[in-house]
Amino acid sequence: MRQYRYLPHTADMRFRAYGDGFGEALENAALALLNAMLDLDRVAKSRGRLVKVPIRETAYTQQELVWFTLQDILSRIDARKLNAYEFRISGIQMKGKKLHLAGTLMCKRSGEDNALLSVKAVTPNDLFVRNHGGRCTIQVVVDV
């Protein structure tokens, strides 16, 4: 099964991520974002020290949760110069009217520069989440 694919866009970068359910699709959306920004094979094979960065987000909708989570991942990578290679969700729960996400961004600390593309922001423009028959598709546009 395809995890994600990049789509044509006039100025920015757009991709769709897929999964068996929302959580898997969101992990794959994070993977598509990371893969555009960093040489993931090189990061994963590096001898850098493993760093696990907790990600916690709260939102009213799945679309907001995607936007907040991916923007949080991007911000942490930029602020701490992290070489991230994977995002794992440990849980998504509905409490009251809000969705609560707990996850971990897997990173390696090393002096190597593994950057490929500078992503400025995850935008809410053209972002969608579609659930259909147990499967989920997430579309994201990032400003590059």
N, C-alpha and C. Protein backbone atom coordinates (compact mmCIF):
# COMPACT_ATOMS: atom_id res chain seq x y z
N MET A 1 0.83 -1.18 0.00
CA MET A 1 0.00 0.00 0.00
C MET A 1 0.89 1.25 0.00
N ARG A 2 0.51 2.22 -0.76
CA ARG A 2 1.24 3.49 -0.85
C ARG A 2 1.04 4.28 0.44
N GLN A 3 2.15 4.84 0.98
CA GLN A 3 2.09 5.65 2.19
C GLN A 3 1.73 7.10 1.88
N TYR A 4 2.32 7.62 0.81
CA TYR A 4 2.06 9.00 0.41
C TYR A 4 2.52 9.20 -1.03
N ARG A 5 2.09 10.32 -1.61
CA ARG A 5 2.58 10.71 -2.93
C ARG A 5 2.57 12.23 -3.03
N TYR A 6 3.56 12.74 -3.76
CA TYR A 6 3.65 14.18 -3.99
C TYR A 6 2.84 14.52 -5.23
N LEU A 7 2.18 15.67 -5.18
CA LEU A 7 1.30 16.11 -6.26
C LEU A 7 1.81 17.42 -6.85
N PRO A 8 1.48 17.70 -8.10
CA PRO A 8 1.91 18.97 -8.69
C PRO A 8 1.26 20.15 -7.97
N HIS A 9 1.99 21.24 -7.88
CA HIS A 9 1.48 22.48 -7.30
C HIS A 9 2.23 23.63 -7.95
N THR A 10 1.56 24.75 -8.16
CA THR A 10 2.16 25.85 -8.90
C THR A 10 3.34 26.49 -8.18
N ALA A 11 3.26 26.65 -6.85
CA ALA A 11 4.33 27.37 -6.15
C ALA A 11 4.85 26.63 -4.93
N ASP A 12 4.02 25.88 -4.28
CA ASP A 12 4.40 25.20 -3.04
C ASP A 12 4.51 23.69 -3.27
N MET A 13 4.51 22.94 -2.22
CA MET A 13 4.57 21.48 -2.33
C MET A 13 3.28 20.91 -1.74
N ARG A 14 2.69 19.97 -2.46
CA ARG A 14 1.46 19.34 -2.01
C ARG A 14 1.66 17.83 -2.01
N PHE A 15 1.09 17.18 -1.00
CA PHE A 15 1.14 15.72 -0.97
C PHE A 15 -0.12 15.16 -0.35
N ARG A 16 -0.35 13.87 -0.63
CA ARG A 16 -1.44 13.13 0.00
C ARG A 16 -0.84 11.94 0.71
N ALA A 17 -1.32 11.72 1.91
CA ALA A 17 -0.88 10.58 2.71
C ALA A 17 -2.07 9.66 2.94
N TYR A 18 -1.79 8.38 3.05
CA TYR A 18 -2.84 7.37 3.13
C TYR A 18 -2.60 6.47 4.33
N GLY A 19 -3.67 5.87 4.83
CA GLY A 19 -3.51 4.92 5.92
C GLY A 19 -4.79 4.18 6.23
N ASP A 20 -4.62 3.11 6.98
CA ASP A 20 -5.76 2.37 7.52
C ASP A 20 -6.18 3.11 8.79
N GLY A 21 -6.95 4.15 8.61
CA GLY A 21 -7.39 4.98 9.71
C GLY A 21 -6.62 6.29 9.77
N PHE A 22 -7.17 7.21 10.55
CA PHE A 22 -6.62 8.56 10.65
C PHE A 22 -5.21 8.59 11.22
N GLY A 23 -4.96 7.83 12.27
CA GLY A 23 -3.63 7.83 12.91
C GLY A 23 -2.53 7.41 11.96
N GLU A 24 -2.73 6.35 11.23
CA GLU A 24 -1.72 5.89 10.27
C GLU A 24 -1.52 6.89 9.15
N ALA A 25 -2.61 7.49 8.66
CA ALA A 25 -2.49 8.50 7.61
C ALA A 25 -1.72 9.73 8.11
N LEU A 26 -1.93 10.12 9.36
CA LEU A 26 -1.20 11.26 9.93
C LEU A 26 0.28 10.93 10.09
N GLU A 27 0.60 9.73 10.52
CA GLU A 27 2.02 9.31 10.59
C GLU A 27 2.66 9.37 9.20
N ASN A 28 1.92 8.94 8.19
CA ASN A 28 2.44 8.97 6.82
C ASN A 28 2.55 10.39 6.27
N ALA A 29 1.65 11.29 6.71
CA ALA A 29 1.76 12.69 6.32
C ALA A 29 3.03 13.29 6.93
N ALA A 30 3.31 12.94 8.18
CA ALA A 30 4.55 13.40 8.82
C ALA A 30 5.76 12.84 8.08
N LEU A 31 5.69 11.59 7.66
CA LEU A 31 6.79 10.98 6.90
C LEU A 31 7.01 11.70 5.57
N ALA A 32 5.93 12.06 4.88
CA ALA A 32 6.06 12.80 3.62
C ALA A 32 6.71 14.16 3.86
N LEU A 33 6.33 14.84 4.94
CA LEU A 33 6.94 16.12 5.29
C LEU A 33 8.42 15.95 5.58
N LEU A 34 8.77 14.98 6.41
CA LEU A 34 10.16 14.73 6.77
C LEU A 34 10.99 14.35 5.55
N ASN A 35 10.43 13.51 4.69
CA ASN A 35 11.15 13.05 3.50
C ASN A 35 11.45 14.20 2.54
N ALA A 36 10.57 15.19 2.49
CA ALA A 36 10.82 16.36 1.64
C ALA A 36 11.92 17.24 2.22
N MET A 37 12.01 17.29 3.54
CA MET A 37 12.94 18.18 4.22
C MET A 37 14.33 17.59 4.42
N LEU A 38 14.40 16.28 4.65
CA LEU A 38 15.64 15.63 5.08
C LEU A 38 15.92 14.36 4.30
N ASP A 39 17.19 14.00 4.20
CA ASP A 39 17.60 12.73 3.61
C ASP A 39 17.39 11.66 4.67
N LEU A 40 16.20 11.04 4.69
CA LEU A 40 15.81 10.13 5.76
C LEU A 40 16.69 8.90 5.85
N ASP A 41 17.12 8.35 4.72
CA ASP A 41 18.00 7.18 4.77
C ASP A 41 19.31 7.52 5.47
N ARG A 42 19.86 8.65 5.12
CA ARG A 42 21.13 9.10 5.72
C ARG A 42 20.96 9.36 7.22
N VAL A 43 19.84 9.99 7.59
CA VAL A 43 19.58 10.26 9.01
C VAL A 43 19.44 8.96 9.78
N ALA A 44 18.63 8.04 9.27
CA ALA A 44 18.39 6.78 9.98
C ALA A 44 19.68 5.97 10.14
N LYS A 45 20.58 6.03 9.16
CA LYS A 45 21.83 5.27 9.21
C LYS A 45 22.94 5.97 9.98
N SER A 46 22.73 7.25 10.32
CA SER A 46 23.78 7.99 11.01
C SER A 46 24.02 7.43 12.41
N ARG A 47 25.20 7.70 12.94
CA ARG A 47 25.56 7.19 14.26
C ARG A 47 25.20 8.16 15.38
N GLY A 48 24.41 9.15 15.04
CA GLY A 48 24.01 10.14 16.04
C GLY A 48 23.21 9.52 17.17
N ARG A 49 23.20 10.22 18.29
CA ARG A 49 22.46 9.77 19.47
C ARG A 49 20.96 9.90 19.21
N LEU A 50 20.20 8.87 19.56
CA LEU A 50 18.75 8.88 19.39
C LEU A 50 18.12 9.86 20.37
N VAL A 51 17.25 10.71 19.85
CA VAL A 51 16.52 11.67 20.67
C VAL A 51 15.04 11.49 20.36
N LYS A 52 14.24 11.33 21.41
CA LYS A 52 12.80 11.20 21.25
C LYS A 52 12.14 12.48 21.75
N VAL A 53 11.46 13.17 20.84
CA VAL A 53 10.83 14.45 21.16
C VAL A 53 9.32 14.24 21.27
N PRO A 54 8.75 14.47 22.46
CA PRO A 54 7.30 14.29 22.59
C PRO A 54 6.53 15.38 21.84
N ILE A 55 5.46 14.97 21.20
CA ILE A 55 4.56 15.89 20.49
C ILE A 55 3.17 15.68 21.10
N ARG A 56 2.58 16.76 21.57
CA ARG A 56 1.24 16.71 22.13
C ARG A 56 0.44 17.85 21.50
N GLU A 57 -0.72 17.51 20.97
CA GLU A 57 -1.57 18.51 20.32
C GLU A 57 -3.03 18.27 20.68
N THR A 58 -3.78 19.34 20.63
CA THR A 58 -5.22 19.30 20.89
C THR A 58 -5.91 20.13 19.81
N ALA A 59 -7.03 19.61 19.31
CA ALA A 59 -7.76 20.32 18.25
C ALA A 59 -9.22 19.91 18.27
N TYR A 60 -10.04 20.71 17.60
CA TYR A 60 -11.47 20.40 17.50
C TYR A 60 -11.80 19.48 16.34
N THR A 61 -10.97 19.48 15.28
CA THR A 61 -11.26 18.66 14.11
C THR A 61 -10.00 17.89 13.69
N GLN A 62 -10.20 16.89 12.87
CA GLN A 62 -9.05 16.15 12.34
C GLN A 62 -8.18 17.05 11.48
N GLN A 63 -8.78 17.94 10.69
CA GLN A 63 -8.00 18.85 9.86
C GLN A 63 -7.11 19.74 10.73
N GLU A 64 -7.67 20.31 11.79
CA GLU A 64 -6.87 21.13 12.70
C GLU A 64 -5.75 20.31 13.32
N LEU A 65 -6.05 19.08 13.70
CA LEU A 65 -5.04 18.23 14.34
C LEU A 65 -3.88 17.94 13.39
N VAL A 66 -4.17 17.71 12.13
CA VAL A 66 -3.12 17.52 11.12
C VAL A 66 -2.27 18.78 11.03
N TRP A 67 -2.92 19.91 10.86
CA TRP A 67 -2.21 21.18 10.71
C TRP A 67 -1.34 21.48 11.92
N PHE A 68 -1.92 21.39 13.12
CA PHE A 68 -1.18 21.69 14.35
C PHE A 68 -0.01 20.73 14.54
N THR A 69 -0.23 19.45 14.29
CA THR A 69 0.82 18.44 14.51
C THR A 69 1.97 18.63 13.55
N LEU A 70 1.68 18.77 12.26
CA LEU A 70 2.76 18.93 11.28
C LEU A 70 3.51 20.25 11.48
N GLN A 71 2.79 21.30 11.84
CA GLN A 71 3.46 22.58 12.10
C GLN A 71 4.34 22.47 13.35
N ASP A 72 3.89 21.75 14.36
CA ASP A 72 4.69 21.54 15.57
C ASP A 72 5.97 20.76 15.23
N ILE A 73 5.85 19.72 14.43
CA ILE A 73 7.02 18.94 14.00
C ILE A 73 7.99 19.85 13.27
N LEU A 74 7.50 20.63 12.32
CA LEU A 74 8.34 21.55 11.56
C LEU A 74 9.04 22.55 12.48
N SER A 75 8.31 23.13 13.40
CA SER A 75 8.87 24.12 14.32
C SER A 75 9.97 23.54 15.19
N ARG A 76 9.76 22.35 15.69
CA ARG A 76 10.77 21.71 16.55
C ARG A 76 12.04 21.37 15.78
N ILE A 77 11.87 20.91 14.54
CA ILE A 77 13.03 20.60 13.71
C ILE A 77 13.83 21.86 13.45
N ASP A 78 13.13 22.94 13.10
CA ASP A 78 13.81 24.22 12.82
C ASP A 78 14.48 24.79 14.07
N ALA A 79 13.77 24.82 15.18
CA ALA A 79 14.29 25.46 16.39
C ALA A 79 15.48 24.71 16.98
N ARG A 80 15.44 23.39 16.92
CA ARG A 80 16.48 22.58 17.57
C ARG A 80 17.44 21.94 16.58
N LYS A 81 17.28 22.26 15.28
CA LYS A 81 18.15 21.69 14.24
C LYS A 81 18.20 20.16 14.35
N LEU A 82 17.02 19.56 14.42
CA LEU A 82 16.92 18.12 14.59
C LEU A 82 16.97 17.39 13.26
N ASN A 83 17.55 16.22 13.26
CA ASN A 83 17.53 15.31 12.13
C ASN A 83 16.46 14.26 12.42
N ALA A 84 15.23 14.59 12.10
CA ALA A 84 14.10 13.70 12.38
C ALA A 84 13.91 12.72 11.23
N TYR A 85 13.52 11.51 11.57
CA TYR A 85 13.31 10.51 10.52
C TYR A 85 12.00 9.74 10.64
N GLU A 86 11.25 9.95 11.74
CA GLU A 86 10.01 9.21 11.91
C GLU A 86 9.15 9.89 12.97
N PHE A 87 7.82 9.77 12.80
CA PHE A 87 6.87 10.25 13.80
C PHE A 87 5.94 9.10 14.13
N ARG A 88 5.83 8.80 15.40
CA ARG A 88 4.96 7.70 15.86
C ARG A 88 3.89 8.24 16.79
N ILE A 89 2.66 7.88 16.52
CA ILE A 89 1.54 8.29 17.37
C ILE A 89 1.30 7.20 18.40
N SER A 90 1.26 7.60 19.66
CA SER A 90 0.96 6.62 20.72
C SER A 90 -0.52 6.62 21.07
N GLY A 91 -1.23 7.69 20.74
CA GLY A 91 -2.66 7.70 20.99
C GLY A 91 -3.34 8.95 20.48
N ILE A 92 -4.58 8.77 20.03
CA ILE A 92 -5.47 9.88 19.69
C ILE A 92 -6.77 9.58 20.40
N GLN A 93 -7.22 10.53 21.23
CA GLN A 93 -8.44 10.33 21.98
C GLN A 93 -9.35 11.53 21.84
N MET A 94 -10.65 11.27 21.90
CA MET A 94 -11.64 12.33 21.92
C MET A 94 -12.02 12.53 23.38
N LYS A 95 -11.79 13.73 23.89
CA LYS A 95 -12.18 14.09 25.26
C LYS A 95 -13.07 15.31 25.16
N GLY A 96 -14.32 15.13 25.51
CA GLY A 96 -15.27 16.22 25.31
C GLY A 96 -15.43 16.47 23.83
N LYS A 97 -15.18 17.70 23.43
CA LYS A 97 -15.30 18.06 22.01
C LYS A 97 -13.95 18.18 21.34
N LYS A 98 -12.88 17.77 22.03
CA LYS A 98 -11.53 17.94 21.47
C LYS A 98 -10.83 16.62 21.24
N LEU A 99 -10.02 16.60 20.18
CA LEU A 99 -9.12 15.48 19.90
C LEU A 99 -7.78 15.77 20.57
N HIS A 100 -7.23 14.77 21.23
CA HIS A 100 -5.94 14.90 21.89
C HIS A 100 -4.99 13.88 21.29
N LEU A 101 -3.85 14.35 20.83
CA LEU A 101 -2.84 13.50 20.21
C LEU A 101 -1.59 13.45 21.09
N ALA A 102 -1.05 12.26 21.23
CA ALA A 102 0.25 12.07 21.87
C ALA A 102 1.11 11.29 20.90
N GLY A 103 2.32 11.78 20.65
CA GLY A 103 3.22 11.11 19.73
C GLY A 103 4.66 11.41 20.04
N THR A 104 5.54 10.78 19.28
CA THR A 104 6.98 10.94 19.48
C THR A 104 7.65 11.15 18.13
N LEU A 105 8.46 12.19 18.06
CA LEU A 105 9.28 12.47 16.89
C LEU A 105 10.64 11.83 17.13
N MET A 106 11.01 10.90 16.27
CA MET A 106 12.27 10.18 16.40
C MET A 106 13.35 10.94 15.64
N CYS A 107 14.44 11.28 16.33
CA CYS A 107 15.50 12.10 15.75
C CYS A 107 16.87 11.52 16.09
N LYS A 108 17.87 11.98 15.35
CA LYS A 108 19.26 11.64 15.63
C LYS A 108 20.02 12.94 15.83
N ARG A 109 20.81 12.99 16.88
CA ARG A 109 21.69 14.14 17.12
C ARG A 109 23.02 13.85 16.47
N SER A 110 23.37 14.66 15.49
CA SER A 110 24.67 14.52 14.84
C SER A 110 25.04 15.86 14.24
N GLY A 111 26.28 16.03 13.91
CA GLY A 111 26.74 17.28 13.32
C GLY A 111 26.50 17.34 11.82
N GLU A 112 25.94 16.28 11.26
CA GLU A 112 25.73 16.22 9.82
C GLU A 112 24.55 17.08 9.38
N ASP A 113 24.69 17.70 8.22
CA ASP A 113 23.59 18.45 7.63
C ASP A 113 22.89 17.54 6.63
N ASN A 114 21.66 17.16 6.95
CA ASN A 114 20.90 16.25 6.09
C ASN A 114 19.73 16.95 5.41
N ALA A 115 19.77 18.28 5.38
CA ALA A 115 18.66 19.05 4.81
C ALA A 115 18.60 18.89 3.29
N LEU A 116 17.38 18.80 2.79
CA LEU A 116 17.14 18.74 1.35
C LEU A 116 16.37 19.97 0.87
N LEU A 117 15.30 20.33 1.59
CA LEU A 117 14.41 21.39 1.16
C LEU A 117 14.01 22.20 2.38
N SER A 118 13.99 23.51 2.24
CA SER A 118 13.58 24.38 3.33
C SER A 118 12.07 24.57 3.28
N VAL A 119 11.39 24.05 4.28
CA VAL A 119 9.94 24.21 4.38
C VAL A 119 9.67 25.32 5.38
N LYS A 120 8.93 26.34 4.95
CA LYS A 120 8.66 27.50 5.79
C LYS A 120 7.48 27.28 6.73
N ALA A 121 6.42 26.62 6.22
CA ALA A 121 5.22 26.45 7.03
C ALA A 121 4.32 25.38 6.42
N VAL A 122 3.50 24.81 7.28
CA VAL A 122 2.41 23.95 6.84
C VAL A 122 1.19 24.87 6.78
N THR A 123 0.52 24.88 5.66
CA THR A 123 -0.60 25.81 5.49
C THR A 123 -1.94 25.09 5.64
N PRO A 124 -2.96 25.82 6.08
CA PRO A 124 -4.30 25.22 6.13
C PRO A 124 -4.97 25.22 4.76
N ASN A 125 -4.37 25.91 3.79
CA ASN A 125 -4.96 25.99 2.44
C ASN A 125 -4.97 24.62 1.78
N ASP A 126 -6.11 24.23 1.28
CA ASP A 126 -6.27 22.99 0.52
C ASP A 126 -6.01 21.74 1.36
N LEU A 127 -5.94 21.88 2.68
CA LEU A 127 -5.75 20.73 3.57
C LEU A 127 -7.10 20.03 3.74
N PHE A 128 -7.09 18.71 3.62
CA PHE A 128 -8.31 17.97 3.91
C PHE A 128 -7.99 16.60 4.49
N VAL A 129 -9.00 16.05 5.19
CA VAL A 129 -8.96 14.69 5.70
C VAL A 129 -10.22 14.02 5.20
N ARG A 130 -10.06 12.89 4.52
CA ARG A 130 -11.21 12.12 4.03
C ARG A 130 -11.14 10.70 4.57
N ASN A 131 -12.18 10.31 5.26
CA ASN A 131 -12.30 8.95 5.77
C ASN A 131 -13.30 8.20 4.90
N HIS A 132 -12.89 7.03 4.43
CA HIS A 132 -13.76 6.27 3.53
C HIS A 132 -13.49 4.78 3.70
N GLY A 133 -14.51 4.07 4.18
CA GLY A 133 -14.41 2.62 4.31
C GLY A 133 -13.24 2.14 5.15
N GLY A 134 -12.98 2.80 6.27
CA GLY A 134 -11.87 2.38 7.13
C GLY A 134 -10.51 2.93 6.72
N ARG A 135 -10.44 3.52 5.54
CA ARG A 135 -9.19 4.12 5.04
C ARG A 135 -9.27 5.63 5.21
N CYS A 136 -8.11 6.26 5.23
CA CYS A 136 -8.07 7.71 5.40
C CYS A 136 -7.06 8.31 4.42
N THR A 137 -7.43 9.45 3.85
CA THR A 137 -6.54 10.22 2.98
C THR A 137 -6.41 11.62 3.56
N ILE A 138 -5.17 12.10 3.66
CA ILE A 138 -4.89 13.45 4.13
C ILE A 138 -4.13 14.19 3.05
N GLN A 139 -4.61 15.37 2.69
CA GLN A 139 -3.89 16.23 1.74
C GLN A 139 -3.32 17.43 2.49
N VAL A 140 -2.06 17.75 2.19
CA VAL A 140 -1.36 18.84 2.86
C VAL A 140 -0.61 19.67 1.83
N VAL A 141 -0.56 20.99 2.05
CA VAL A 141 0.25 21.89 1.25
C VAL A 141 1.22 22.57 2.20
N VAL A 142 2.51 22.57 1.81
CA VAL A 142 3.52 23.25 2.62
C VAL A 142 4.15 24.36 1.79
N ASP A 143 4.46 25.44 2.48
CA ASP A 143 5.10 26.61 1.86
C ASP A 143 6.61 26.37 1.84
N VAL A 144 7.18 26.36 0.64
CA VAL A 144 8.63 26.12 0.51
C VAL A 144 9.34 27.35 -0.01
